[in-house]
PDB file of N, CA and C in Angstrom:
ATOM      1  N   MET A   1       0.845  -1.175   0.000  1.00  0.00           N
ATOM      2  CA  MET A   1       0.000   0.000   0.000  1.00  0.00           C
ATOM      3  C   MET A   1       0.894   1.244   0.000  1.00  0.00           C
ATOM      4  N   PRO A   2       0.700   2.170  -0.919  1.00  0.00           N
ATOM      5  CA  PRO A   2       1.521   3.380  -0.981  1.00  0.00           C
ATOM      6  C   PRO A   2       1.283   4.279   0.234  1.00  0.00           C
ATOM      7  N   SER A   3       2.323   4.970   0.600  1.00  0.00           N
ATOM      8  CA  SER A   3       2.216   5.959   1.677  1.00  0.00           C
ATOM      9  C   SER A   3       1.759   7.291   1.089  1.00  0.00           C
ATOM     10  N   GLU A   4       1.169   8.108   1.914  1.00  0.00           N
ATOM     11  CA  GLU A   4       0.700   9.425   1.499  1.00  0.00           C
ATOM     12  C   GLU A   4       1.556  10.501   2.169  1.00  0.00           C
ATOM     13  N   LEU A   5       1.746  11.612   1.486  1.00  0.00           N
ATOM     14  CA  LEU A   5       2.496  12.707   2.097  1.00  0.00           C
ATOM     15  C   LEU A   5       1.840  13.175   3.388  1.00  0.00           C
ATOM     16  N   SER A   6       0.532  13.053   3.461  1.00  0.00           N
ATOM     17  CA  SER A   6      -0.177  13.472   4.674  1.00  0.00           C
ATOM     18  C   SER A   6       0.170  12.585   5.876  1.00  0.00           C
ATOM     19  N   ASP A   7       0.834  11.437   5.637  1.00  0.00           N
ATOM     20  CA  ASP A   7       1.276  10.577   6.736  1.00  0.00           C
ATOM     21  C   ASP A   7       2.431  11.209   7.514  1.00  0.00           C
ATOM     22  N   ILE A   8       3.131  12.162   6.914  1.00  0.00           N
ATOM     23  CA  ILE A   8       4.297  12.785   7.558  1.00  0.00           C
ATOM     24  C   ILE A   8       3.828  13.854   8.534  1.00  0.00           C
ATOM     25  N   ARG A   9       4.101  13.607   9.825  1.00  0.00           N
ATOM     26  CA  ARG A   9       3.717  14.570  10.863  1.00  0.00           C
ATOM     27  C   ARG A   9       4.754  15.683  11.004  1.00  0.00           C
ATOM     28  N   ASP A  10       6.026  15.306  10.928  1.00  0.00           N
ATOM     29  CA  ASP A  10       7.138  16.254  10.959  1.00  0.00           C
ATOM     30  C   ASP A  10       8.393  15.508  10.520  1.00  0.00           C
ATOM     31  N   PHE A  11       9.539  16.148  10.641  1.00  0.00           N
ATOM     32  CA  PHE A  11      10.809  15.542  10.261  1.00  0.00           C
ATOM     33  C   PHE A  11      11.788  15.604  11.419  1.00  0.00           C
ATOM     34  N   HIS A  12      12.724  14.671  11.406  1.00  0.00           N
ATOM     35  CA  HIS A  12      13.836  14.675  12.357  1.00  0.00           C
ATOM     36  C   HIS A  12      15.139  14.644  11.580  1.00  0.00           C
ATOM     37  N   ALA A  13      16.109  15.372  12.080  1.00  0.00           N
ATOM     38  CA  ALA A  13      17.481  15.285  11.596  1.00  0.00           C
ATOM     39  C   ALA A  13      18.323  14.911  12.811  1.00  0.00           C
ATOM     40  N   HIS A  14      19.035  13.807  12.723  1.00  0.00           N
ATOM     41  CA  HIS A  14      19.936  13.385  13.796  1.00  0.00           C
ATOM     42  C   HIS A  14      21.344  13.770  13.384  1.00  0.00           C
ATOM     43  N   VAL A  15      21.958  14.654  14.155  1.00  0.00           N
ATOM     44  CA  VAL A  15      23.296  15.153  13.857  1.00  0.00           C
ATOM     45  C   VAL A  15      24.282  14.367  14.720  1.00  0.00           C
ATOM     46  N   TYR A  16      25.147  13.602  14.056  1.00  0.00           N
ATOM     47  CA  TYR A  16      26.107  12.748  14.747  1.00  0.00           C
ATOM     48  C   TYR A  16      27.449  13.457  14.885  1.00  0.00           C
ATOM     49  N   TYR A  17      28.130  13.177  15.989  1.00  0.00           N
ATOM     50  CA  TYR A  17      29.437  13.783  16.240  1.00  0.00           C
ATOM     51  C   TYR A  17      30.248  12.843  17.118  1.00  0.00           C
ATOM     52  N   GLU A  18      31.537  13.094  17.156  1.00  0.00           N
ATOM     53  CA  GLU A  18      32.437  12.361  18.051  1.00  0.00           C
ATOM     54  C   GLU A  18      32.776  13.289  19.217  1.00  0.00           C
ATOM     55  N   PRO A  19      32.407  12.910  20.459  1.00  0.00           N
ATOM     56  CA  PRO A  19      32.717  13.764  21.606  1.00  0.00           C
ATOM     57  C   PRO A  19      34.211  14.093  21.655  1.00  0.00           C
ATOM     58  N   GLY A  20      34.491  15.378  21.830  1.00  0.00           N
ATOM     59  CA  GLY A  20      35.869  15.837  21.925  1.00  0.00           C
ATOM     60  C   GLY A  20      36.586  15.952  20.589  1.00  0.00           C
ATOM     61  N   VAL A  21      35.976  15.483  19.511  1.00  0.00           N
ATOM     62  CA  VAL A  21      36.614  15.532  18.190  1.00  0.00           C
ATOM     63  C   VAL A  21      35.832  16.474  17.273  1.00  0.00           C
ATOM     64  N   SER A  22      34.570  16.159  17.027  1.00  0.00           N
ATOM     65  CA  SER A  22      33.747  16.995  16.151  1.00  0.00           C
ATOM     66  C   SER A  22      32.603  17.669  16.919  1.00  0.00           C
ATOM     67  N   GLU A  23      32.698  17.653  18.238  1.00  0.00           N
ATOM     68  CA  GLU A  23      31.653  18.238  19.072  1.00  0.00           C
ATOM     69  C   GLU A  23      31.518  19.748  18.861  1.00  0.00           C
ATOM     70  N   ALA A  24      32.649  20.442  18.662  1.00  0.00           N
ATOM     71  CA  ALA A  24      32.594  21.900  18.438  1.00  0.00           C
ATOM     72  C   ALA A  24      31.874  22.210  17.129  1.00  0.00           C
ATOM     73  N   ALA A  25      32.120  21.414  16.090  1.00  0.00           N
ATOM     74  CA  ALA A  25      31.426  21.617  14.819  1.00  0.00           C
ATOM     75  C   ALA A  25      29.925  21.369  14.987  1.00  0.00           C
ATOM     76  N   ALA A  26      29.567  20.346  15.766  1.00  0.00           N
ATOM     77  CA  ALA A  26      28.161  20.048  16.025  1.00  0.00           C
ATOM     78  C   ALA A  26      27.508  21.186  16.810  1.00  0.00           C
ATOM     79  N   ALA A  27      28.239  21.763  17.759  1.00  0.00           N
ATOM     80  CA  ALA A  27      27.706  22.875  18.552  1.00  0.00           C
ATOM     81  C   ALA A  27      27.504  24.110  17.681  1.00  0.00           C
ATOM     82  N   ALA A  28      28.442  24.380  16.790  1.00  0.00           N
ATOM     83  CA  ALA A  28      28.322  25.537  15.900  1.00  0.00           C
ATOM     84  C   ALA A  28      27.139  25.356  14.952  1.00  0.00           C
ATOM     85  N   LEU A  29      26.964  24.151  14.427  1.00  0.00           N
ATOM     86  CA  LEU A  29      25.829  23.872  13.552  1.00  0.00           C
ATOM     87  C   LEU A  29      24.526  24.073  14.313  1.00  0.00           C
ATOM     88  N   ARG A  30      24.484  23.583  15.529  1.00  0.00           N
ATOM     89  CA  ARG A  30      23.289  23.709  16.370  1.00  0.00           C
ATOM     90  C   ARG A  30      22.933  25.174  16.600  1.00  0.00           C
ATOM     91  N   GLU A  31      23.933  26.003  16.888  1.00  0.00           N
ATOM     92  CA  GLU A  31      23.696  27.431  17.115  1.00  0.00           C
ATOM     93  C   GLU A  31      23.149  28.108  15.867  1.00  0.00           C
ATOM     94  N   ARG A  32      23.674  27.744  14.703  1.00  0.00           N
ATOM     95  CA  ARG A  32      23.198  28.327  13.449  1.00  0.00           C
ATOM     96  C   ARG A  32      21.767  27.892  13.154  1.00  0.00           C
ATOM     97  N   VAL A  33      21.452  26.619  13.411  1.00  0.00           N
ATOM     98  CA  VAL A  33      20.082  26.148  13.202  1.00  0.00           C
ATOM     99  C   VAL A  33      19.137  26.927  14.120  1.00  0.00           C
ATOM    100  N   ALA A  34      19.517  27.082  15.380  1.00  0.00           N
ATOM    101  CA  ALA A  34      18.672  27.816  16.335  1.00  0.00           C
ATOM    102  C   ALA A  34      18.441  29.251  15.878  1.00  0.00           C
ATOM    103  N   ALA A  35      19.473  29.887  15.339  1.00  0.00           N
ATOM    104  CA  ALA A  35      19.354  31.276  14.899  1.00  0.00           C
ATOM    105  C   ALA A  35      18.558  31.409  13.604  1.00  0.00           C
ATOM    106  N   ASP A  36      18.808  30.504  12.656  1.00  0.00           N
ATOM    107  CA  ASP A  36      18.205  30.633  11.330  1.00  0.00           C
ATOM    108  C   ASP A  36      16.844  29.957  11.185  1.00  0.00           C
ATOM    109  N   PHE A  37      16.551  28.994  12.073  1.00  0.00           N
ATOM    110  CA  PHE A  37      15.303  28.229  11.984  1.00  0.00           C
ATOM    111  C   PHE A  37      14.652  28.148  13.370  1.00  0.00           C
ATOM    112  N   PRO A  38      14.109  29.243  13.858  1.00  0.00           N
ATOM    113  CA  PRO A  38      13.571  29.262  15.217  1.00  0.00           C
ATOM    114  C   PRO A  38      12.406  28.298  15.454  1.00  0.00           C
ATOM    115  N   ARG A  39      11.754  27.821  14.399  1.00  0.00           N
ATOM    116  CA  ARG A  39      10.659  26.851  14.573  1.00  0.00           C
ATOM    117  C   ARG A  39      11.175  25.429  14.761  1.00  0.00           C
ATOM    118  N   ALA A  40      12.458  25.214  14.516  1.00  0.00           N
ATOM    119  CA  ALA A  40      13.052  23.892  14.742  1.00  0.00           C
ATOM    120  C   ALA A  40      13.223  23.677  16.239  1.00  0.00           C
ATOM    121  N   ILE A  41      13.017  22.453  16.669  1.00  0.00           N
ATOM    122  CA  ILE A  41      13.150  22.102  18.082  1.00  0.00           C
ATOM    123  C   ILE A  41      14.435  21.298  18.236  1.00  0.00           C
ATOM    124  N   LEU A  42      15.355  21.819  19.024  1.00  0.00           N
ATOM    125  CA  LEU A  42      16.640  21.169  19.233  1.00  0.00           C
ATOM    126  C   LEU A  42      16.557  20.238  20.434  1.00  0.00           C
ATOM    127  N   GLY A  43      16.827  18.967  20.199  1.00  0.00           N
ATOM    128  CA  GLY A  43      16.798  17.978  21.273  1.00  0.00           C
ATOM    129  C   GLY A  43      18.061  18.015  22.115  1.00  0.00           C
ATOM    130  N   ARG A  44      18.051  17.223  23.157  1.00  0.00           N
ATOM    131  CA  ARG A  44      19.192  17.147  24.064  1.00  0.00           C
ATOM    132  C   ARG A  44      20.410  16.543  23.372  1.00  0.00           C
ATOM    133  N   TRP A  45      21.566  16.872  23.919  1.00  0.00           N
ATOM    134  CA  TRP A  45      22.817  16.231  23.507  1.00  0.00           C
ATOM    135  C   TRP A  45      22.826  14.827  24.101  1.00  0.00           C
ATOM    136  N   HIS A  46      23.169  13.862  23.310  1.00  0.00           N
ATOM    137  CA  HIS A  46      23.359  12.484  23.776  1.00  0.00           C
ATOM    138  C   HIS A  46      24.818  12.128  23.484  1.00  0.00           C
ATOM    139  N   HIS A  47      25.660  12.213  24.521  1.00  0.00           N
ATOM    140  CA  HIS A  47      27.097  11.980  24.345  1.00  0.00           C
ATOM    141  C   HIS A  47      27.434  10.501  24.239  1.00  0.00           C
ATOM    142  N   GLN A  48      26.449   9.657  24.475  1.00  0.00           N
ATOM    143  CA  GLN A  48      26.585   8.204  24.325  1.00  0.00           C
ATOM    144  C   GLN A  48      25.523   7.745  23.335  1.00  0.00           C
ATOM    145  N   PRO A  49      25.769   6.662  22.619  1.00  0.00           N
ATOM    146  CA  PRO A  49      24.715   6.137  21.738  1.00  0.00           C
ATOM    147  C   PRO A  49      23.435   5.872  22.530  1.00  0.00           C
ATOM    148  N   ILE A  50      22.311   6.127  21.881  1.00  0.00           N
ATOM    149  CA  ILE A  50      21.006   5.948  22.522  1.00  0.00           C
ATOM    150  C   ILE A  50      20.029   5.410  21.485  1.00  0.00           C
ATOM    151  N   GLY A  51      19.116   4.553  21.922  1.00  0.00           N
ATOM    152  CA  GLY A  51      18.112   4.004  21.013  1.00  0.00           C
ATOM    153  C   GLY A  51      18.768   3.315  19.832  1.00  0.00           C
ATOM    154  N   PRO A  52      18.305   3.611  18.622  1.00  0.00           N
ATOM    155  CA  PRO A  52      18.888   2.958  17.452  1.00  0.00           C
ATOM    156  C   PRO A  52      20.208   3.586  17.007  1.00  0.00           C
ATOM    157  N   HIS A  53      20.594   4.688  17.608  1.00  0.00           N
ATOM    158  CA  HIS A  53      21.753   5.456  17.157  1.00  0.00           C
ATOM    159  C   HIS A  53      23.049   4.890  17.742  1.00  0.00           C
ATOM    160  N   THR A  54      24.037   4.710  16.878  1.00  0.00           N
ATOM    161  CA  THR A  54      25.291   4.069  17.280  1.00  0.00           C
ATOM    162  C   THR A  54      26.411   5.066  17.550  1.00  0.00           C
ATOM    163  N   ARG A  55      26.097   6.351  17.501  1.00  0.00           N
ATOM    164  CA  ARG A  55      27.069   7.398  17.824  1.00  0.00           C
ATOM    165  C   ARG A  55      26.377   8.477  18.638  1.00  0.00           C
ATOM    166  N   ALA A  56      27.204   9.305  19.251  1.00  0.00           N
ATOM    167  CA  ALA A  56      26.679  10.467  19.962  1.00  0.00           C
ATOM    168  C   ALA A  56      25.936  11.353  18.965  1.00  0.00           C
ATOM    169  N   MET A  57      24.872  12.001  19.431  1.00  0.00           N
ATOM    170  CA  MET A  57      24.073  12.827  18.518  1.00  0.00           C
ATOM    171  C   MET A  57      23.132  13.737  19.283  1.00  0.00           C
ATOM    172  N   TYR A  58      22.554  14.660  18.544  1.00  0.00           N
ATOM    173  CA  TYR A  58      21.373  15.390  19.007  1.00  0.00           C
ATOM    174  C   TYR A  58      20.392  15.415  17.849  1.00  0.00           C
ATOM    175  N   GLN A  59      19.150  15.656  18.180  1.00  0.00           N
ATOM    176  CA  GLN A  59      18.078  15.644  17.179  1.00  0.00           C
ATOM    177  C   GLN A  59      17.577  17.057  16.926  1.00  0.00           C
ATOM    178  N   ILE A  60      17.223  17.304  15.679  1.00  0.00           N
ATOM    179  CA  ILE A  60      16.518  18.521  15.300  1.00  0.00           C
ATOM    180  C   ILE A  60      15.156  18.065  14.780  1.00  0.00           C
ATOM    181  N   ALA A  61      14.086  18.466  15.435  1.00  0.00           N
ATOM    182  CA  ALA A  61      12.728  18.168  14.967  1.00  0.00           C
ATOM    183  C   ALA A  61      12.196  19.430  14.300  1.00  0.00           C
ATOM    184  N   PHE A  62      11.532  19.253  13.154  1.00  0.00           N
ATOM    185  CA  PHE A  62      11.026  20.435  12.471  1.00  0.00           C
ATOM    186  C   PHE A  62       9.770  20.103  11.681  1.00  0.00           C
ATOM    187  N   PRO A  63       8.887  21.104  11.531  1.00  0.00           N
ATOM    188  CA  PRO A  63       7.623  20.871  10.833  1.00  0.00           C
ATOM    189  C   PRO A  63       7.842  20.656   9.339  1.00  0.00           C
ATOM    190  N   VAL A  64       6.884  20.012   8.724  1.00  0.00           N
ATOM    191  CA  VAL A  64       6.924  19.709   7.292  1.00  0.00           C
ATOM    192  C   VAL A  64       7.210  20.972   6.473  1.00  0.00           C
ATOM    193  N   GLU A  65       6.636  22.086   6.880  1.00  0.00           N
ATOM    194  CA  GLU A  65       6.781  23.334   6.133  1.00  0.00           C
ATOM    195  C   GLU A  65       8.229  23.811   6.049  1.00  0.00           C
ATOM    196  N   LEU A  66       9.095  23.378   6.955  1.00  0.00           N
ATOM    197  CA  LEU A  66      10.503  23.797   6.936  1.00  0.00           C
ATOM    198  C   LEU A  66      11.392  22.894   6.082  1.00  0.00           C
ATOM    199  N   PHE A  67      10.865  21.754   5.653  1.00  0.00           N
ATOM    200  CA  PHE A  67      11.713  20.804   4.927  1.00  0.00           C
ATOM    201  C   PHE A  67      12.387  21.432   3.715  1.00  0.00           C
ATOM    202  N   ALA A  68      11.661  22.193   2.929  1.00  0.00           N
ATOM    203  CA  ALA A  68      12.195  22.752   1.684  1.00  0.00           C
ATOM    204  C   ALA A  68      13.352  23.716   1.902  1.00  0.00           C
ATOM    205  N   THR A  69      13.471  24.267   3.100  1.00  0.00           N
ATOM    206  CA  THR A  69      14.593  25.173   3.373  1.00  0.00           C
ATOM    207  C   THR A  69      15.620  24.554   4.316  1.00  0.00           C
ATOM    208  N   LEU A  70      15.172  23.861   5.351  1.00  0.00           N
ATOM    209  CA  LEU A  70      16.120  23.321   6.322  1.00  0.00           C
ATOM    210  C   LEU A  70      16.930  22.149   5.764  1.00  0.00           C
ATOM    211  N   ALA A  71      16.302  21.243   5.026  1.00  0.00           N
ATOM    212  CA  ALA A  71      17.040  20.088   4.488  1.00  0.00           C
ATOM    213  C   ALA A  71      18.160  20.535   3.551  1.00  0.00           C
ATOM    214  N   PRO A  72      17.915  21.405   2.562  1.00  0.00           N
ATOM    215  CA  PRO A  72      19.033  21.835   1.717  1.00  0.00           C
ATOM    216  C   PRO A  72      20.070  22.645   2.492  1.00  0.00           C
ATOM    217  N   TRP A  73      19.623  23.411   3.482  1.00  0.00           N
ATOM    218  CA  TRP A  73      20.561  24.169   4.305  1.00  0.00           C
ATOM    219  C   TRP A  73      21.517  23.214   5.021  1.00  0.00           C
ATOM    220  N   LEU A  74      20.973  22.116   5.569  1.00  0.00           N
ATOM    221  CA  LEU A  74      21.829  21.117   6.214  1.00  0.00           C
ATOM    222  C   LEU A  74      22.792  20.483   5.213  1.00  0.00           C
ATOM    223  N   MET A  75      22.333  20.240   3.998  1.00  0.00           N
ATOM    224  CA  MET A  75      23.202  19.674   2.960  1.00  0.00           C
ATOM    225  C   MET A  75      24.417  20.557   2.720  1.00  0.00           C
ATOM    226  N   LEU A  76      24.202  21.852   2.717  1.00  0.00           N
ATOM    227  CA  LEU A  76      25.279  22.799   2.411  1.00  0.00           C
ATOM    228  C   LEU A  76      26.106  23.197   3.625  1.00  0.00           C
ATOM    229  N   ASN A  77      25.592  22.991   4.822  1.00  0.00           N
ATOM    230  CA  ASN A  77      26.242  23.533   6.025  1.00  0.00           C
ATOM    231  C   ASN A  77      26.526  22.489   7.097  1.00  0.00           C
ATOM    232  N   ARG A  78      26.599  21.225   6.744  1.00  0.00           N
ATOM    233  CA  ARG A  78      26.741  20.177   7.757  1.00  0.00           C
ATOM    234  C   ARG A  78      28.151  20.065   8.326  1.00  0.00           C
ATOM    235  N   ALA A  79      29.091  20.817   7.796  1.00  0.00           N
ATOM    236  CA  ALA A  79      30.459  20.883   8.334  1.00  0.00           C
ATOM    237  C   ALA A  79      31.112  19.510   8.471  1.00  0.00           C
ATOM    238  N   GLY A  80      30.841  18.634   7.510  1.00  0.00           N
ATOM    239  CA  GLY A  80      31.443  17.308   7.529  1.00  0.00           C
ATOM    240  C   GLY A  80      30.797  16.325   8.485  1.00  0.00           C
ATOM    241  N   LEU A  81      29.745  16.740   9.178  1.00  0.00           N
ATOM    242  CA  LEU A  81      29.059  15.862  10.115  1.00  0.00           C
ATOM    243  C   LEU A  81      28.094  14.949   9.354  1.00  0.00           C
ATOM    244  N   ASP A  82      27.877  13.767   9.882  1.00  0.00           N
ATOM    245  CA  ASP A  82      26.916  12.837   9.301  1.00  0.00           C
ATOM    246  C   ASP A  82      25.543  13.117   9.909  1.00  0.00           C
ATOM    247  N   ILE A  83      24.523  13.124   9.044  1.00  0.00           N
ATOM    248  CA  ILE A  83      23.168  13.459   9.486  1.00  0.00           C
ATOM    249  C   ILE A  83      22.183  12.466   8.890  1.00  0.00           C
ATOM    250  N   LEU A  84      21.335  11.916   9.744  1.00  0.00           N
ATOM    251  CA  LEU A  84      20.211  11.084   9.323  1.00  0.00           C
ATOM    252  C   LEU A  84      18.979  11.978   9.283  1.00  0.00           C
ATOM    253  N   LEU A  85      18.336  12.038   8.135  1.00  0.00           N
ATOM    254  CA  LEU A  85      17.148  12.858   7.945  1.00  0.00           C
ATOM    255  C   LEU A  85      15.986  11.926   7.628  1.00  0.00           C
ATOM    256  N   HIS A  86      14.910  12.027   8.416  1.00  0.00           N
ATOM    257  CA  HIS A  86      13.786  11.123   8.180  1.00  0.00           C
ATOM    258  C   HIS A  86      12.459  11.760   8.571  1.00  0.00           C
ATOM    259  N   PRO A  87      11.374  11.269   7.948  1.00  0.00           N
ATOM    260  CA  PRO A  87      10.048  11.738   8.337  1.00  0.00           C
ATOM    261  C   PRO A  87       9.593  11.024   9.599  1.00  0.00           C
ATOM    262  N   GLU A  88       8.602  11.575  10.230  1.00  0.00           N
ATOM    263  CA  GLU A  88       7.914  10.943  11.351  1.00  0.00           C
ATOM    264  C   GLU A  88       6.518  10.575  10.865  1.00  0.00           C
ATOM    265  N   THR A  89       6.305   9.281  10.605  1.00  0.00           N
ATOM    266  CA  THR A  89       4.989   8.812  10.155  1.00  0.00           C
ATOM    267  C   THR A  89       4.309   7.933  11.194  1.00  0.00           C
ATOM    268  N   GLY A  90       5.034   7.606  12.268  1.00  0.00           N
ATOM    269  CA  GLY A  90       4.509   6.686  13.264  1.00  0.00           C
ATOM    270  C   GLY A  90       5.057   5.279  13.099  1.00  0.00           C
ATOM    271  N   ASP A  91       5.833   5.043  12.062  1.00  0.00           N
ATOM    272  CA  ASP A  91       6.464   3.745  11.815  1.00  0.00           C
ATOM    273  C   ASP A  91       7.975   3.927  11.964  1.00  0.00           C
ATOM    274  N   ASP A  92       8.456   3.902  13.208  1.00  0.00           N
ATOM    275  CA  ASP A  92       9.865   4.199  13.488  1.00  0.00           C
ATOM    276  C   ASP A  92      10.861   3.361  12.687  1.00  0.00           C
ATOM    277  N   PRO A  93      10.706   2.036  12.622  1.00  0.00           N
ATOM    278  CA  PRO A  93      11.693   1.272  11.849  1.00  0.00           C
ATOM    279  C   PRO A  93      11.774   1.725  10.385  1.00  0.00           C
ATOM    280  N   ARG A  94      10.642   1.894   9.736  1.00  0.00           N
ATOM    281  CA  ARG A  94      10.654   2.323   8.322  1.00  0.00           C
ATOM    282  C   ARG A  94      11.118   3.772   8.181  1.00  0.00           C
ATOM    283  N   ASP A  95      10.728   4.624   9.109  1.00  0.00           N
ATOM    284  CA  ASP A  95      11.139   6.031   9.034  1.00  0.00           C
ATOM    285  C   ASP A  95      12.660   6.161   9.113  1.00  0.00           C
ATOM    286  N   HIS A  96      13.301   5.325   9.932  1.00  0.00           N
ATOM    287  CA  HIS A  96      14.754   5.400  10.107  1.00  0.00           C
ATOM    288  C   HIS A  96      15.536   4.645   9.035  1.00  0.00           C
ATOM    289  N   THR A  97      14.848   3.892   8.176  1.00  0.00           N
ATOM    290  CA  THR A  97      15.554   3.100   7.161  1.00  0.00           C
ATOM    291  C   THR A  97      14.986   3.362   5.765  1.00  0.00           C
ATOM    292  N   VAL A  98      13.865   2.783   5.457  1.00  0.00           N
ATOM    293  CA  VAL A  98      13.276   2.870   4.117  1.00  0.00           C
ATOM    294  C   VAL A  98      12.986   4.315   3.721  1.00  0.00           C
ATOM    295  N   HIS A  99      12.484   5.115   4.648  1.00  0.00           N
ATOM    296  CA  HIS A  99      12.100   6.493   4.347  1.00  0.00           C
ATOM    297  C   HIS A  99      13.217   7.500   4.605  1.00  0.00           C
ATOM    298  N   ALA A 100      14.389   7.050   5.016  1.00  0.00           N
ATOM    299  CA  ALA A 100      15.462   7.939   5.467  1.00  0.00           C
ATOM    300  C   ALA A 100      16.370   8.396   4.326  1.00  0.00           C
ATOM    301  N   ALA A 101      16.997   9.539   4.551  1.00  0.00           N
ATOM    302  CA  ALA A 101      18.052  10.052   3.675  1.00  0.00           C
ATOM    303  C   ALA A 101      19.259  10.363   4.559  1.00  0.00           C
ATOM    304  N   TRP A 102      20.443  10.100   4.044  1.00  0.00           N
ATOM    305  CA  TRP A 102      21.668  10.355   4.791  1.00  0.00           C
ATOM    306  C   TRP A 102      22.438  11.488   4.136  1.00  0.00           C
ATOM    307  N   LEU A 103      22.946  12.371   4.964  1.00  0.00           N
ATOM    308  CA  LEU A 103      23.884  13.399   4.527  1.00  0.00           C
ATOM    309  C   LEU A 103      25.228  12.988   5.107  1.00  0.00           C
ATOM    310  N   GLY A 104      26.190  12.705   4.247  1.00  0.00           N
ATOM    311  CA  GLY A 104      27.468  12.176   4.713  1.00  0.00           C
ATOM    312  C   GLY A 104      27.435  10.667   4.719  1.00  0.00           C
ATOM    313  N   GLU A 105      28.157  10.067   5.652  1.00  0.00           N
ATOM    314  CA  GLU A 105      28.254   8.614   5.742  1.00  0.00           C
ATOM    315  C   GLU A 105      26.973   8.004   6.300  1.00  0.00           C
ATOM    316  N   LYS A 106      26.545   6.902   5.695  1.00  0.00           N
ATOM    317  CA  LYS A 106      25.405   6.144   6.226  1.00  0.00           C
ATOM    318  C   LYS A 106      25.931   5.279   7.372  1.00  0.00           C
ATOM    319  N   LEU A 107      25.443   5.545   8.563  1.00  0.00           N
ATOM    320  CA  LEU A 107      25.906   4.854   9.764  1.00  0.00           C
ATOM    321  C   LEU A 107      24.998   3.671  10.075  1.00  0.00           C
ATOM    322  N   PRO A 108      25.554   2.663  10.731  1.00  0.00           N
ATOM    323  CA  PRO A 108      24.688   1.548  11.142  1.00  0.00           C
ATOM    324  C   PRO A 108      23.731   1.990  12.240  1.00  0.00           C
ATOM    325  N   LEU A 109      22.580   1.365  12.270  1.00  0.00           N
ATOM    326  CA  LEU A 109      21.589   1.615  13.315  1.00  0.00           C
ATOM    327  C   LEU A 109      21.317   0.308  14.046  1.00  0.00           C
ATOM    328  N   ARG A 110      20.962   0.411  15.315  1.00  0.00           N
ATOM    329  CA  ARG A 110      20.582  -0.766  16.106  1.00  0.00           C
ATOM    330  C   ARG A 110      19.069  -0.923  16.007  1.00  0.00           C
ATOM    331  N   MET A 111      18.649  -1.696  15.030  1.00  0.00           N
ATOM    332  CA  MET A 111      17.214  -1.843  14.776  1.00  0.00           C
ATOM    333  C   MET A 111      16.496  -2.584  15.904  1.00  0.00           C
ATOM    334  N   GLU A 112      17.222  -3.353  16.693  1.00  0.00           N
ATOM    335  CA  GLU A 112      16.582  -4.040  17.818  1.00  0.00           C
ATOM    336  C   GLU A 112      16.014  -3.044  18.835  1.00  0.00           C
ATOM    337  N   ALA A 113      16.459  -1.797  18.783  1.00  0.00           N
ATOM    338  CA  ALA A 113      15.923  -0.768  19.681  1.00  0.00           C
ATOM    339  C   ALA A 113      14.430  -0.530  19.416  1.00  0.00           C
ATOM    340  N   PHE A 114      13.964  -0.891  18.229  1.00  0.00           N
ATOM    341  CA  PHE A 114      12.565  -0.706  17.887  1.00  0.00           C
ATOM    342  C   PHE A 114      11.711  -1.927  18.201  1.00  0.00           C
ATOM    343  N   ALA A 115      12.335  -2.994  18.656  1.00  0.00           N
ATOM    344  CA  ALA A 115      11.583  -4.216  18.979  1.00  0.00           C
ATOM    345  C   ALA A 115      10.648  -3.941  20.157  1.00  0.00           C
ATOM    346  N   PRO A 116       9.467  -4.536  20.151  1.00  0.00           N
ATOM    347  CA  PRO A 116       8.561  -4.355  21.296  1.00  0.00           C
ATOM    348  C   PRO A 116       9.211  -4.859  22.582  1.00  0.00           C
ATOM    349  N   LYS A 117       8.990  -4.121  23.635  1.00  0.00           N
ATOM    350  CA  LYS A 117       9.506  -4.516  24.953  1.00  0.00           C
ATOM    351  C   LYS A 117       8.659  -5.653  25.492  1.00  0.00           C
ATOM    352  N   HIS A 118       9.246  -6.469  26.352  1.00  0.00           N
ATOM    353  CA  HIS A 118       8.513  -7.582  26.958  1.00  0.00           C
ATOM    354  C   HIS A 118       7.286  -7.025  27.674  1.00  0.00           C
ATOM    355  N   GLY A 119       6.141  -7.602  27.415  1.00  0.00           N
ATOM    356  CA  GLY A 119       4.903  -7.179  28.055  1.00  0.00           C
ATOM    357  C   GLY A 119       4.111  -6.181  27.224  1.00  0.00           C
ATOM    358  N   ASP A 120       4.676  -5.731  26.082  1.00  0.00           N
ATOM    359  CA  ASP A 120       3.941  -4.800  25.222  1.00  0.00           C
ATOM    360  C   ASP A 120       2.943  -5.521  24.350  1.00  0.00           C
TER     361      ASP A 120
END
């Protein structure tokens, strides 16, 4: 069954960095996003891998209306950082893989993080 654009609630960009190595570049990118895209929501810094993510990262959540400007801006200004860009449709495994786009290196993900927890 085909997906519909109306299935996309918003977008996430996961900005990956190496603590102490590329963290300053990630911080500078974050500051520019905050200044240039005030409707974007900047998530917490995760200095350790979390969930399906295998590197340190922070998330940028943004509404569908910003995709046409924020996504190309990230393409041009990612400062060598790897970024996972994906829609939020409610299907986390597919959103992070089938529906995802990578800026930079495609990093491995821990898909078992999406497995139902015991008792669910």
